[in-house]
Amino acid sequence: MNKIIPILLIFVLCSCTTEQVRTSDISTPASVTTASSRIHSILNMGGSDTQNTTEQEENLLPRIARYLKQGVASWYGPEFHGKKTASGEIYDMYAMTAAHKTLPISSYARVTNLENQRSVIVRINDRGPFHGNRVMDLSYAAAKKLDLHEAGTGAVEIKAIAPEQALAQLQNTAEKQDKNVYLQVGTFGNKNKALKLQNKIASHQLPQPEILPSTHKGSTLYKVQMGPIKSPESVHKLNIQLAKMGITATQFVTESDQEQISMIQ
């Protein structure tokens, strides 16, 4: 038994190491992800009073921070726009999100195009891709900012980052663009559901969120956002209050309109 334990440890550590990109994979067409086969694990980024949740996050975050991988990324767009992701939230092709097989739902990652060195910050809210050896499915917005949308795939590096790092980098980029960072607390295909969430938050003596419609090919999504965010401390406190209400799938966005840009120069 004592001999087995070191072998298992080596296997776990190797699973987090950087992998080389095979250039023969880069020309493969964009994948079509099967939504019905997605599963998920949720990481509550806002904090919780539950001791078990806190302990799980403390144990999980150091392992996430070590995740660094290179591989081929693809993107998915119109055919999934407005449908549920593995997290249960509605997929918005114009949001800065991504599907990944193992990174926790609601965690953040910095994705870099190895061809042009452009980088974006995405939040993991879905599972996939389930095609070949691809390491990530990007939203259309993220792929466009990386200049991968036309080719369909590209070689990338994925680095998991803590929510605090994501917020700091997004705020730095937003300041250069004379924009603000907001906390998005929900996305719905039904306006009444967005209004219900808006009223629920306001009823707890919190600032009333704004509902922003985004329409694509006759389909409208309603985004519920709060902000702008002034400091990491303020958003952490807000996330704790929201978590007590059962609202944990929050995310940082750097624009309050339809296209949420989070590119790092």
Protein backbone atom coordinates (compact mmCIF):
# COMPACT_ATOMS: atom_id res chain seq x y z
CA MET A 1 0.00 0.00 0.00
CA ASN A 2 2.85 2.42 0.88
CA LYS A 3 4.30 1.96 -2.62
CA ILE A 4 0.99 2.78 -4.28
CA ILE A 5 0.58 6.19 -2.64
CA PRO A 6 3.67 7.87 -4.26
CA ILE A 7 2.57 6.55 -7.66
CA LEU A 8 -0.88 8.09 -7.23
CA LEU A 9 0.67 11.41 -6.20
CA ILE A 10 2.84 11.45 -9.32
CA PHE A 11 -0.22 10.78 -11.47
CA VAL A 12 -2.16 13.68 -9.91
CA LEU A 13 0.71 16.12 -10.31
CA CYS A 14 1.27 15.13 -13.93
CA SER A 15 -2.34 15.85 -14.76
CA CYS A 16 -1.73 19.56 -14.02
CA THR A 17 1.42 19.96 -16.10
CA THR A 18 1.77 21.89 -19.34
CA GLU A 19 1.21 19.86 -22.50
CA GLN A 20 2.79 20.51 -25.88
CA VAL A 21 0.56 21.61 -28.77
CA ARG A 22 0.44 19.39 -31.82
CA THR A 23 0.34 21.70 -34.82
CA SER A 24 -1.51 19.09 -36.87
CA ASP A 25 -4.62 19.72 -34.72
CA ILE A 26 -4.86 23.45 -35.35
CA SER A 27 -6.59 23.25 -38.73
CA THR A 28 -9.43 21.08 -37.41
CA PRO A 29 -12.89 22.71 -37.84
CA ALA A 30 -14.79 24.11 -34.85
CA SER A 31 -16.47 21.55 -32.65
CA VAL A 32 -20.15 21.00 -32.01
CA THR A 33 -20.52 20.37 -28.29
CA THR A 34 -23.21 17.99 -27.08
CA ALA A 35 -25.06 19.90 -24.35
CA SER A 36 -26.93 16.85 -23.08
CA SER A 37 -23.69 15.09 -22.14
CA ARG A 38 -22.35 17.91 -19.97
CA ILE A 39 -21.88 17.52 -16.24
CA HIS A 40 -20.59 20.08 -13.76
CA SER A 41 -19.11 20.87 -10.37
CA ILE A 42 -19.81 24.29 -8.91
CA LEU A 43 -17.29 26.43 -7.06
CA ASN A 44 -19.04 29.18 -5.07
CA MET A 45 -16.89 32.24 -5.71
CA GLY A 46 -18.91 34.58 -3.50
CA GLY A 47 -18.25 32.97 -0.16
CA SER A 48 -20.70 31.21 2.19
CA ASP A 49 -21.41 30.83 5.87
CA THR A 50 -21.44 27.06 5.46
CA GLN A 51 -18.31 25.56 6.98
CA ASN A 52 -18.19 22.63 4.57
CA THR A 53 -18.36 24.95 1.53
CA THR A 54 -15.57 27.15 2.91
CA GLU A 55 -13.31 24.18 3.61
CA GLN A 56 -13.94 22.76 0.14
CA GLU A 57 -13.02 26.06 -1.50
CA GLU A 58 -9.86 26.44 0.60
CA ASN A 59 -8.74 22.95 -0.41
CA LEU A 60 -9.69 23.40 -4.07
CA LEU A 61 -8.28 26.85 -4.88
CA PRO A 62 -4.56 25.98 -4.46
CA ARG A 63 -4.97 23.08 -6.91
CA ILE A 64 -6.79 25.30 -9.41
CA ALA A 65 -4.05 27.94 -9.21
CA ARG A 66 -1.49 25.39 -10.42
CA TYR A 67 -3.46 24.58 -13.57
CA LEU A 68 -1.50 25.55 -16.70
CA LYS A 69 -2.08 23.80 -20.00
CA GLN A 70 -1.52 24.27 -23.71
CA GLY A 71 -3.67 22.75 -26.41
CA VAL A 72 -6.20 23.41 -29.14
CA ALA A 73 -9.29 25.51 -28.36
CA SER A 74 -12.45 25.83 -30.43
CA TRP A 75 -15.59 27.94 -30.00
CA TYR A 76 -19.35 27.45 -30.00
CA GLY A 77 -21.96 30.05 -30.86
CA PRO A 78 -25.40 30.52 -32.43
CA GLU A 79 -26.65 26.93 -32.16
CA PHE A 80 -26.28 27.08 -28.35
CA HIS A 81 -27.10 30.77 -27.76
CA GLY A 82 -30.00 31.01 -25.31
CA LYS A 83 -29.75 27.36 -24.19
CA LYS A 84 -28.79 26.11 -20.74
CA THR A 85 -25.16 25.45 -19.94
CA ALA A 86 -23.94 22.72 -17.59
CA SER A 87 -24.08 25.26 -14.76
CA GLY A 88 -27.80 25.78 -15.34
CA GLU A 89 -27.38 29.35 -16.54
CA ILE A 90 -28.24 30.49 -20.05
CA TYR A 91 -25.44 30.42 -22.63
CA ASP A 92 -24.67 33.87 -24.04
CA MET A 93 -22.31 33.78 -27.00
CA TYR A 94 -21.43 37.45 -26.40
CA ALA A 95 -20.27 36.89 -22.80
CA MET A 96 -16.69 36.08 -21.88
CA THR A 97 -17.18 32.44 -20.89
CA ALA A 98 -15.85 29.00 -21.79
CA ALA A 99 -16.53 25.28 -21.49
CA HIS A 100 -13.88 23.10 -19.89
CA LYS A 101 -13.84 19.43 -18.89
CA THR A 102 -12.40 19.72 -15.38
CA LEU A 103 -11.97 23.31 -14.14
CA PRO A 104 -14.72 24.08 -11.61
CA ILE A 105 -17.84 25.88 -12.75
CA SER A 106 -17.59 29.61 -11.89
CA SER A 107 -13.80 29.59 -11.75
CA TYR A 108 -11.75 31.95 -13.95
CA ALA A 109 -8.99 31.35 -16.49
CA ARG A 110 -6.70 33.49 -18.62
CA VAL A 111 -6.57 32.15 -22.19
CA THR A 112 -3.75 33.24 -24.50
CA ASN A 113 -3.61 32.74 -28.26
CA LEU A 114 -0.11 31.35 -28.79
CA GLU A 115 -0.04 32.67 -32.35
CA ASN A 116 -0.61 36.38 -31.62
CA GLN A 117 -0.23 36.49 -27.80
CA ARG A 118 -3.67 38.04 -27.31
CA SER A 119 -5.25 37.11 -23.97
CA VAL A 120 -8.74 37.14 -22.49
CA ILE A 121 -10.21 36.29 -19.12
CA VAL A 122 -13.09 33.85 -19.20
CA ARG A 123 -15.35 32.32 -16.59
CA ILE A 124 -15.97 28.58 -16.79
CA ASN A 125 -19.72 27.98 -16.92
CA ASP A 126 -20.04 24.89 -19.11
CA ARG A 127 -18.58 21.44 -19.77
CA GLY A 128 -16.78 20.45 -22.96
CA PRO A 129 -15.44 20.21 -25.55
CA PHE A 130 -16.20 16.58 -26.33
CA HIS A 131 -14.47 16.41 -29.70
CA GLY A 132 -10.99 15.06 -30.30
CA ASN A 133 -8.24 16.34 -28.03
CA ARG A 134 -9.42 19.95 -27.70
CA VAL A 135 -8.91 21.53 -24.32
CA MET A 136 -11.54 24.29 -24.30
CA ASP A 137 -14.65 25.60 -26.05
CA LEU A 138 -14.68 29.40 -26.02
CA SER A 139 -17.70 31.64 -26.39
CA TYR A 140 -17.93 33.52 -29.67
CA ALA A 141 -16.96 36.79 -27.95
CA ALA A 142 -13.85 35.25 -26.39
CA ALA A 143 -12.83 33.59 -29.67
CA LYS A 144 -13.26 36.86 -31.53
CA LYS A 145 -11.06 38.77 -29.09
CA LEU A 146 -8.40 36.10 -29.49
CA ASP A 147 -8.84 36.22 -33.29
CA LEU A 148 -9.79 32.54 -33.43
CA HIS A 149 -13.37 32.97 -34.64
CA GLU A 150 -12.66 32.74 -38.38
CA ALA A 151 -10.28 29.76 -38.24
CA GLY A 152 -12.55 27.98 -35.77
CA THR A 153 -9.67 26.60 -33.70
CA GLY A 154 -6.27 27.71 -32.48
CA ALA A 155 -3.38 26.88 -30.17
CA VAL A 156 -3.86 28.41 -26.73
CA GLU A 157 -2.47 28.43 -23.23
CA ILE A 158 -4.95 28.16 -20.35
CA LYS A 159 -3.95 29.48 -16.90
CA ALA A 160 -6.39 29.19 -14.02
CA ILE A 161 -6.55 32.35 -11.91
CA ALA A 162 -8.26 33.31 -8.66
CA PRO A 163 -11.36 35.56 -8.77
CA GLU A 164 -9.34 38.36 -7.16
CA GLN A 165 -6.77 38.15 -9.97
CA ALA A 166 -9.50 38.17 -12.59
CA LEU A 167 -11.11 41.24 -11.07
CA ALA A 168 -7.81 43.12 -10.75
CA GLN A 169 -6.84 42.43 -14.37
CA LEU A 170 -10.30 43.29 -15.68
CA GLN A 171 -10.35 46.56 -13.74
CA ASN A 172 -6.90 47.46 -15.07
CA THR A 173 -8.03 46.82 -18.64
CA ALA A 174 -11.34 48.63 -18.09
CA GLU A 175 -9.54 51.73 -16.81
CA LYS A 176 -7.43 51.85 -19.98
CA GLN A 177 -10.63 51.66 -22.03
CA ASP A 178 -12.43 54.21 -19.81
CA LYS A 179 -14.97 51.57 -18.79
CA ASN A 180 -16.24 50.01 -15.57
CA VAL A 181 -16.46 46.47 -14.23
CA TYR A 182 -19.86 45.11 -13.19
CA LEU A 183 -21.07 42.05 -11.32
CA GLN A 184 -23.48 40.01 -13.41
CA VAL A 185 -25.79 38.00 -11.18
CA GLY A 186 -27.95 36.24 -13.74
CA THR A 187 -28.87 35.73 -17.41
CA PHE A 188 -32.37 34.67 -18.47
CA GLY A 189 -34.30 33.98 -21.63
CA ASN A 190 -37.45 35.09 -19.82
CA LYS A 191 -37.84 38.72 -18.74
CA ASN A 192 -40.14 37.82 -15.84
CA LYS A 193 -37.38 35.67 -14.33
CA ALA A 194 -34.95 38.59 -14.60
CA LEU A 195 -37.49 40.88 -12.91
CA LYS A 196 -38.02 38.30 -10.17
CA LEU A 197 -34.29 38.21 -9.42
CA GLN A 198 -34.09 42.01 -9.55
CA ASN A 199 -36.92 42.32 -7.02
CA LYS A 200 -35.49 39.59 -4.80
CA ILE A 201 -32.16 41.39 -4.51
CA ALA A 202 -33.79 44.79 -3.94
CA SER A 203 -36.02 43.32 -1.20
CA HIS A 204 -32.89 42.46 0.82
CA GLN A 205 -31.90 46.14 1.09
CA LEU A 206 -29.27 45.81 -1.63
CA PRO A 207 -28.88 48.19 -4.60
CA GLN A 208 -31.40 47.32 -7.30
CA PRO A 209 -29.69 45.58 -10.24
CA GLU A 210 -30.13 46.75 -13.82
CA ILE A 211 -31.71 44.51 -16.46
CA LEU A 212 -30.04 44.70 -19.86
CA PRO A 213 -31.62 42.99 -22.91
CA SER A 214 -29.41 41.46 -25.59
CA THR A 215 -31.04 40.29 -28.84
CA HIS A 216 -29.62 37.85 -31.38
CA LYS A 217 -31.67 36.59 -34.35
CA GLY A 218 -34.96 37.32 -32.65
CA SER A 219 -33.93 35.68 -29.36
CA THR A 220 -33.49 38.01 -26.39
CA LEU A 221 -31.46 37.38 -23.25
CA TYR A 222 -31.94 39.49 -20.13
CA LYS A 223 -28.78 40.16 -18.14
CA VAL A 224 -29.05 41.25 -14.50
CA GLN A 225 -26.06 43.35 -13.44
CA MET A 226 -24.94 45.30 -10.37
CA GLY A 227 -22.24 47.91 -10.06
CA PRO A 228 -19.93 49.32 -11.10
CA ILE A 229 -17.51 47.52 -8.80
CA LYS A 230 -15.35 49.92 -6.81
CA SER A 231 -13.08 47.55 -4.88
CA PRO A 232 -12.41 43.81 -4.32
CA GLU A 233 -13.58 44.23 -0.72
CA SER A 234 -16.95 45.65 -1.75
CA VAL A 235 -17.67 42.93 -4.31
CA HIS A 236 -16.60 40.21 -1.87
CA LYS A 237 -19.04 41.57 0.71
CA LEU A 238 -21.75 41.76 -1.94
CA ASN A 239 -21.08 38.18 -3.06
CA ILE A 240 -21.41 36.95 0.52
CA GLN A 241 -24.79 38.70 0.82
CA LEU A 242 -25.91 37.23 -2.50
CA ALA A 243 -24.72 33.74 -1.51
CA LYS A 244 -26.97 33.88 1.57
CA MET A 245 -29.84 34.40 -0.88
CA GLY A 246 -28.76 31.39 -2.93
CA ILE A 247 -27.17 33.47 -5.72
CA THR A 248 -23.69 32.05 -6.33
CA ALA A 249 -23.17 31.98 -10.12
CA THR A 250 -21.97 35.58 -10.37
CA GLN A 251 -19.36 36.85 -12.81
CA PHE A 252 -17.33 39.96 -13.58
CA VAL A 253 -18.04 41.77 -16.84
CA THR A 254 -16.29 44.86 -18.16
CA GLU A 255 -19.19 46.36 -20.08
CA SER A 256 -22.84 46.93 -19.30
CA ASP A 257 -24.03 46.52 -22.88
CA GLN A 258 -24.39 43.50 -25.16
CA GLU A 259 -20.71 42.72 -25.82
CA GLN A 260 -18.67 42.18 -22.66
CA ILE A 261 -15.01 42.77 -23.46
CA SER A 262 -12.23 41.59 -21.16
CA MET A 263 -9.17 41.54 -23.35
CA ILE A 264 -5.70 42.12 -21.87
CA GLN A 265 -3.34 43.98 -24.16
